[in-house]
PDB file of all heavy atoms in Angstrom:
ATOM      1  N   ARG A   1      23.153  -5.497   5.816  1.00  0.00           N
ATOM      2  CA  ARG A   1      22.269  -4.478   5.203  1.00  0.00           C
ATOM      3  C   ARG A   1      21.160  -5.213   4.518  1.00  0.00           C
ATOM      4  O   ARG A   1      21.293  -6.294   4.020  1.00  0.00           O
ATOM      5  CB  ARG A   1      23.080  -3.665   4.226  1.00  0.00           C
ATOM      6  CG  ARG A   1      22.247  -2.683   3.469  1.00  0.00           C
ATOM      7  CD  ARG A   1      22.921  -1.313   3.324  1.00  0.00           C
ATOM      8  NE  ARG A   1      22.175  -0.453   2.520  1.00  0.00           N
ATOM      9  CZ  ARG A   1      21.403   0.520   2.924  1.00  0.00           C
ATOM     10  NH1 ARG A   1      21.345   0.760   4.245  1.00  0.00           N
ATOM     11  NH2 ARG A   1      20.734   1.294   2.134  1.00  0.00           N
ATOM     12  N   MET A   2      19.987  -4.562   4.549  1.00  0.00           N
ATOM     13  CA  MET A   2      18.829  -5.108   3.871  1.00  0.00           C
ATOM     14  C   MET A   2      18.345  -4.110   2.800  1.00  0.00           C
ATOM     15  O   MET A   2      18.286  -2.957   3.040  1.00  0.00           O
ATOM     16  CB  MET A   2      17.717  -5.352   4.864  1.00  0.00           C
ATOM     17  CG  MET A   2      16.495  -5.927   4.222  1.00  0.00           C
ATOM     18  SD  MET A   2      15.538  -6.737   5.465  1.00  0.00           S
ATOM     19  CE  MET A   2      14.192  -7.312   4.499  1.00  0.00           C
ATOM     20  N   TYR A   3      18.056  -4.672   1.654  1.00  0.00           N
ATOM     21  CA  TYR A   3      17.492  -3.881   0.589  1.00  0.00           C
ATOM     22  C   TYR A   3      16.082  -4.391   0.247  1.00  0.00           C
ATOM     23  O   TYR A   3      15.806  -5.584   0.442  1.00  0.00           O
ATOM     24  CB  TYR A   3      18.345  -4.000  -0.710  1.00  0.00           C
ATOM     25  CG  TYR A   3      19.720  -3.505  -0.544  1.00  0.00           C
ATOM     26  CD1 TYR A   3      20.757  -4.345  -0.238  1.00  0.00           C
ATOM     27  CD2 TYR A   3      19.985  -2.094  -0.659  1.00  0.00           C
ATOM     28  CE1 TYR A   3      22.066  -3.847  -0.122  1.00  0.00           C
ATOM     29  CE2 TYR A   3      21.283  -1.651  -0.505  1.00  0.00           C
ATOM     30  CZ  TYR A   3      22.289  -2.541  -0.227  1.00  0.00           C
ATOM     31  OH  TYR A   3      23.588  -2.038  -0.113  1.00  0.00           O
ATOM     32  N   TYR A   4      15.216  -3.596  -0.169  1.00  0.00           N
ATOM     33  CA  TYR A   4      13.891  -4.055  -0.625  1.00  0.00           C
ATOM     34  C   TYR A   4      13.540  -3.288  -1.879  1.00  0.00           C
ATOM     35  O   TYR A   4      13.865  -2.116  -2.103  1.00  0.00           O
ATOM     36  CB  TYR A   4      12.859  -3.888   0.464  1.00  0.00           C
ATOM     37  CG  TYR A   4      12.498  -2.482   0.826  1.00  0.00           C
ATOM     38  CD1 TYR A   4      11.427  -1.832   0.177  1.00  0.00           C
ATOM     39  CD2 TYR A   4      13.233  -1.807   1.767  1.00  0.00           C
ATOM     40  CE1 TYR A   4      11.150  -0.515   0.528  1.00  0.00           C
ATOM     41  CE2 TYR A   4      12.956  -0.509   2.109  1.00  0.00           C
ATOM     42  CZ  TYR A   4      11.916   0.148   1.492  1.00  0.00           C
ATOM     43  OH  TYR A   4      11.614   1.434   1.794  1.00  0.00           O
ATOM     44  N   THR A   5      12.845  -4.013  -2.801  1.00  0.00           N
ATOM     45  CA  THR A   5      12.481  -3.396  -4.084  1.00  0.00           C
ATOM     46  C   THR A   5      11.206  -2.626  -3.931  1.00  0.00           C
ATOM     47  O   THR A   5      10.363  -2.962  -3.115  1.00  0.00           O
ATOM     48  CB  THR A   5      12.329  -4.504  -5.120  1.00  0.00           C
ATOM     49  OG1 THR A   5      11.392  -5.446  -4.708  1.00  0.00           O
ATOM     50  CG2 THR A   5      13.638  -5.197  -5.406  1.00  0.00           C
ATOM     51  N   THR A   6      11.134  -1.544  -4.645  1.00  0.00           N
ATOM     52  CA  THR A   6       9.958  -0.657  -4.573  1.00  0.00           C
ATOM     53  C   THR A   6       9.738  -0.084  -5.973  1.00  0.00           C
ATOM     54  O   THR A   6      10.602  -0.092  -6.830  1.00  0.00           O
ATOM     55  CB  THR A   6      10.190   0.437  -3.531  1.00  0.00           C
ATOM     56  OG1 THR A   6       8.968   1.216  -3.418  1.00  0.00           O
ATOM     57  CG2 THR A   6      11.331   1.370  -3.931  1.00  0.00           C
ATOM     58  N   LEU A   7       8.529   0.385  -6.179  1.00  0.00           N
ATOM     59  CA  LEU A   7       8.219   1.013  -7.446  1.00  0.00           C
ATOM     60  C   LEU A   7       9.023   2.304  -7.639  1.00  0.00           C
ATOM     61  O   LEU A   7       9.255   3.057  -6.684  1.00  0.00           O
ATOM     62  CB  LEU A   7       6.724   1.386  -7.549  1.00  0.00           C
ATOM     63  CG  LEU A   7       5.760   0.237  -7.574  1.00  0.00           C
ATOM     64  CD1 LEU A   7       4.289   0.679  -7.475  1.00  0.00           C
ATOM     65  CD2 LEU A   7       5.981  -0.622  -8.811  1.00  0.00           C
ATOM     66  N   GLU A   8       9.480   2.534  -8.832  1.00  0.00           N
ATOM     67  CA  GLU A   8      10.272   3.719  -9.140  1.00  0.00           C
ATOM     68  C   GLU A   8       9.458   4.984  -8.841  1.00  0.00           C
ATOM     69  O   GLU A   8      10.004   6.013  -8.374  1.00  0.00           O
ATOM     70  CB  GLU A   8      10.663   3.693 -10.633  1.00  0.00           C
ATOM     71  CG  GLU A   8      11.843   4.510 -10.994  1.00  0.00           C
ATOM     72  CD  GLU A   8      12.309   4.230 -12.365  1.00  0.00           C
ATOM     73  OE1 GLU A   8      11.481   4.062 -13.305  1.00  0.00           O
ATOM     74  OE2 GLU A   8      13.511   4.155 -12.594  1.00  0.00           O
ATOM     75  N   SER A   9       8.146   4.943  -9.013  1.00  0.00           N
ATOM     76  CA  SER A   9       7.279   6.093  -8.717  1.00  0.00           C
ATOM     77  C   SER A   9       7.231   6.471  -7.252  1.00  0.00           C
ATOM     78  O   SER A   9       6.978   7.605  -6.911  1.00  0.00           O
ATOM     79  CB  SER A   9       5.869   5.851  -9.219  1.00  0.00           C
ATOM     80  OG  SER A   9       5.327   4.740  -8.558  1.00  0.00           O
ATOM     81  N   ASN A  10       7.560   5.525  -6.377  1.00  0.00           N
ATOM     82  CA  ASN A  10       7.571   5.831  -4.920  1.00  0.00           C
ATOM     83  C   ASN A  10       8.692   6.830  -4.587  1.00  0.00           C
ATOM     84  O   ASN A  10       8.592   7.521  -3.576  1.00  0.00           O
ATOM     85  CB  ASN A  10       7.762   4.576  -4.099  1.00  0.00           C
ATOM     86  CG  ASN A  10       6.514   3.720  -4.097  1.00  0.00           C
ATOM     87  OD1 ASN A  10       5.434   4.145  -4.400  1.00  0.00           O
ATOM     88  ND2 ASN A  10       6.652   2.452  -3.737  1.00  0.00           N
ATOM     89  N   LEU A  11       9.740   6.838  -5.399  1.00  0.00           N
ATOM     90  CA  LEU A  11      10.850   7.781  -5.153  1.00  0.00           C
ATOM     91  C   LEU A  11      10.480   9.203  -5.580  1.00  0.00           C
ATOM     92  O   LEU A  11      11.286  10.123  -5.479  1.00  0.00           O
ATOM     93  CB  LEU A  11      12.130   7.291  -5.773  1.00  0.00           C
ATOM     94  CG  LEU A  11      12.640   5.990  -5.239  1.00  0.00           C
ATOM     95  CD1 LEU A  11      13.871   5.530  -6.034  1.00  0.00           C
ATOM     96  CD2 LEU A  11      12.930   6.091  -3.807  1.00  0.00           C
ATOM     97  N   GLY A  12       9.289   9.393  -6.139  1.00  0.00           N
ATOM     98  CA  GLY A  12       8.837  10.736  -6.485  1.00  0.00           C
ATOM     99  C   GLY A  12       8.047  11.403  -5.378  1.00  0.00           C
ATOM    100  O   GLY A  12       7.660  12.545  -5.496  1.00  0.00           O
ATOM    101  N   ILE A  13       7.777  10.673  -4.338  1.00  0.00           N
ATOM    102  CA  ILE A  13       6.979  11.234  -3.216  1.00  0.00           C
ATOM    103  C   ILE A  13       7.933  12.118  -2.393  1.00  0.00           C
ATOM    104  O   ILE A  13       8.998  11.683  -1.910  1.00  0.00           O
ATOM    105  CB  ILE A  13       6.404  10.054  -2.308  1.00  0.00           C
ATOM    106  CG1 ILE A  13       5.561   9.136  -3.147  1.00  0.00           C
ATOM    107  CG2 ILE A  13       5.662  10.671  -1.140  1.00  0.00           C
ATOM    108  CD1 ILE A  13       5.190   7.866  -2.412  1.00  0.00           C
ATOM    109  N   PRO A  14       7.584  13.445  -2.240  1.00  0.00           N
ATOM    110  CA  PRO A  14       8.491  14.381  -1.701  1.00  0.00           C
ATOM    111  C   PRO A  14       9.278  14.024  -0.427  1.00  0.00           C
ATOM    112  O   PRO A  14      10.467  13.980  -0.451  1.00  0.00           O
ATOM    113  CB  PRO A  14       7.588  15.647  -1.409  1.00  0.00           C
ATOM    114  CG  PRO A  14       6.518  15.473  -2.417  1.00  0.00           C
ATOM    115  CD  PRO A  14       6.288  13.995  -2.599  1.00  0.00           C
ATOM    116  N   ILE A  15       8.683  13.739   0.673  1.00  0.00           N
ATOM    117  CA  ILE A  15       9.395  13.430   1.876  1.00  0.00           C
ATOM    118  C   ILE A  15       9.757  11.946   1.984  1.00  0.00           C
ATOM    119  O   ILE A  15      10.836  11.558   2.399  1.00  0.00           O
ATOM    120  CB  ILE A  15       8.617  13.911   3.153  1.00  0.00           C
ATOM    121  CG1 ILE A  15       8.481  15.421   3.073  1.00  0.00           C
ATOM    122  CG2 ILE A  15       9.295  13.452   4.423  1.00  0.00           C
ATOM    123  CD1 ILE A  15       7.555  16.013   4.131  1.00  0.00           C
ATOM    124  N   ALA A  16       8.817  11.150   1.558  1.00  0.00           N
ATOM    125  CA  ALA A  16       8.953   9.687   1.711  1.00  0.00           C
ATOM    126  C   ALA A  16      10.125   9.133   0.902  1.00  0.00           C
ATOM    127  O   ALA A  16      10.775   8.158   1.303  1.00  0.00           O
ATOM    128  CB  ALA A  16       7.695   8.988   1.252  1.00  0.00           C
ATOM    129  N   ARG A  17      10.523   9.786  -0.224  1.00  0.00           N
ATOM    130  CA  ARG A  17      11.615   9.225  -1.048  1.00  0.00           C
ATOM    131  C   ARG A  17      12.939   9.181  -0.278  1.00  0.00           C
ATOM    132  O   ARG A  17      13.682   8.246  -0.473  1.00  0.00           O
ATOM    133  CB  ARG A  17      11.797  10.031  -2.318  1.00  0.00           C
ATOM    134  CG  ARG A  17      12.333  11.464  -2.128  1.00  0.00           C
ATOM    135  CD  ARG A  17      12.596  12.085  -3.459  1.00  0.00           C
ATOM    136  NE  ARG A  17      12.639  13.555  -3.248  1.00  0.00           N
ATOM    137  CZ  ARG A  17      11.941  14.388  -3.984  1.00  0.00           C
ATOM    138  NH1 ARG A  17      11.166  13.993  -4.940  1.00  0.00           N
ATOM    139  NH2 ARG A  17      12.024  15.687  -3.714  1.00  0.00           N
ATOM    140  N   HIS A  18      13.159  10.112   0.602  1.00  0.00           N
ATOM    141  CA  HIS A  18      14.412  10.071   1.392  1.00  0.00           C
ATOM    142  C   HIS A  18      14.368   8.971   2.411  1.00  0.00           C
ATOM    143  O   HIS A  18      15.374   8.301   2.625  1.00  0.00           O
ATOM    144  CB  HIS A  18      14.595  11.480   2.143  1.00  0.00           C
ATOM    145  CG  HIS A  18      14.685  12.618   1.157  1.00  0.00           C
ATOM    146  ND1 HIS A  18      15.709  12.773   0.263  1.00  0.00           N
ATOM    147  CD2 HIS A  18      13.811  13.662   1.010  1.00  0.00           C
ATOM    148  CE1 HIS A  18      15.475  13.870  -0.441  1.00  0.00           C
ATOM    149  NE2 HIS A  18      14.331  14.409  -0.008  1.00  0.00           N
ATOM    150  N   LEU A  19      13.228   8.733   3.008  1.00  0.00           N
ATOM    151  CA  LEU A  19      13.083   7.564   3.929  1.00  0.00           C
ATOM    152  C   LEU A  19      13.214   6.261   3.271  1.00  0.00           C
ATOM    153  O   LEU A  19      13.830   5.295   3.769  1.00  0.00           O
ATOM    154  CB  LEU A  19      11.737   7.656   4.683  1.00  0.00           C
ATOM    155  CG  LEU A  19      11.638   8.841   5.689  1.00  0.00           C
ATOM    156  CD1 LEU A  19      10.166   8.897   6.240  1.00  0.00           C
ATOM    157  CD2 LEU A  19      12.583   8.667   6.828  1.00  0.00           C
ATOM    158  N   ILE A  20      12.595   6.164   2.072  1.00  0.00           N
ATOM    159  CA  ILE A  20      12.619   4.894   1.315  1.00  0.00           C
ATOM    160  C   ILE A  20      14.103   4.585   0.977  1.00  0.00           C
ATOM    161  O   ILE A  20      14.535   3.454   1.147  1.00  0.00           O
ATOM    162  CB  ILE A  20      11.807   5.054   0.024  1.00  0.00           C
ATOM    163  CG1 ILE A  20      10.291   5.097   0.376  1.00  0.00           C
ATOM    164  CG2 ILE A  20      12.096   3.921  -0.981  1.00  0.00           C
ATOM    165  CD1 ILE A  20       9.421   5.438  -0.794  1.00  0.00           C
ATOM    166  N   ARG A  21      14.856   5.541   0.500  1.00  0.00           N
ATOM    167  CA  ARG A  21      16.277   5.326   0.200  1.00  0.00           C
ATOM    168  C   ARG A  21      17.058   4.995   1.465  1.00  0.00           C
ATOM    169  O   ARG A  21      17.884   4.069   1.432  1.00  0.00           O
ATOM    170  CB  ARG A  21      16.862   6.566  -0.474  1.00  0.00           C
ATOM    171  CG  ARG A  21      16.528   6.721  -1.911  1.00  0.00           C
ATOM    172  CD  ARG A  21      17.367   5.745  -2.695  1.00  0.00           C
ATOM    173  NE  ARG A  21      17.303   6.149  -4.088  1.00  0.00           N
ATOM    174  CZ  ARG A  21      17.695   5.367  -5.046  1.00  0.00           C
ATOM    175  NH1 ARG A  21      18.242   4.167  -4.779  1.00  0.00           N
ATOM    176  NH2 ARG A  21      17.599   5.752  -6.288  1.00  0.00           N
ATOM    177  N   TRP A  22      16.827   5.736   2.523  1.00  0.00           N
ATOM    178  CA  TRP A  22      17.547   5.559   3.787  1.00  0.00           C
ATOM    179  C   TRP A  22      17.382   4.162   4.345  1.00  0.00           C
ATOM    180  O   TRP A  22      18.259   3.525   4.855  1.00  0.00           O
ATOM    181  CB  TRP A  22      17.179   6.622   4.769  1.00  0.00           C
ATOM    182  CG  TRP A  22      18.025   6.715   5.955  1.00  0.00           C
ATOM    183  CD1 TRP A  22      19.337   7.148   5.971  1.00  0.00           C
ATOM    184  CD2 TRP A  22      17.712   6.329   7.288  1.00  0.00           C
ATOM    185  NE1 TRP A  22      19.821   7.036   7.266  1.00  0.00           N
ATOM    186  CE2 TRP A  22      18.823   6.579   8.105  1.00  0.00           C
ATOM    187  CE3 TRP A  22      16.577   5.854   7.887  1.00  0.00           C
ATOM    188  CZ2 TRP A  22      18.870   6.304   9.448  1.00  0.00           C
ATOM    189  CZ3 TRP A  22      16.608   5.593   9.232  1.00  0.00           C
ATOM    190  CH2 TRP A  22      17.762   5.824  10.011  1.00  0.00           C
ATOM    191  N   PHE A  23      16.121   3.617   4.205  1.00  0.00           N
ATOM    192  CA  PHE A  23      15.828   2.318   4.717  1.00  0.00           C
ATOM    193  C   PHE A  23      16.151   1.166   3.745  1.00  0.00           C
ATOM    194  O   PHE A  23      15.837   0.007   3.988  1.00  0.00           O
ATOM    195  CB  PHE A  23      14.319   2.222   5.107  1.00  0.00           C
ATOM    196  CG  PHE A  23      14.005   2.900   6.438  1.00  0.00           C
ATOM    197  CD1 PHE A  23      13.204   3.953   6.465  1.00  0.00           C
ATOM    198  CD2 PHE A  23      14.610   2.429   7.577  1.00  0.00           C
ATOM    199  CE1 PHE A  23      12.945   4.628   7.664  1.00  0.00           C
ATOM    200  CE2 PHE A  23      14.324   3.062   8.815  1.00  0.00           C
ATOM    201  CZ  PHE A  23      13.516   4.147   8.853  1.00  0.00           C
ATOM    202  N   GLY A  24      16.804   1.487   2.612  1.00  0.00           N
ATOM    203  CA  GLY A  24      17.324   0.431   1.694  1.00  0.00           C
ATOM    204  C   GLY A  24      16.392   0.209   0.498  1.00  0.00           C
ATOM    205  O   GLY A  24      16.537  -0.823  -0.179  1.00  0.00           O
ATOM    206  N   GLY A  25      15.484   1.095   0.186  1.00  0.00           N
ATOM    207  CA  GLY A  25      14.631   0.953  -0.977  1.00  0.00           C
ATOM    208  C   GLY A  25      15.391   1.055  -2.286  1.00  0.00           C
ATOM    209  O   GLY A  25      16.193   1.988  -2.438  1.00  0.00           O
TER     210      GLY A  25
END
């Protein structure tokens, strides 16, 4: 599995937050 760090604010983007989490954000 791969994880990558991202800004906490990116998880507030309506549709993208689910993709970010799904891809290991």
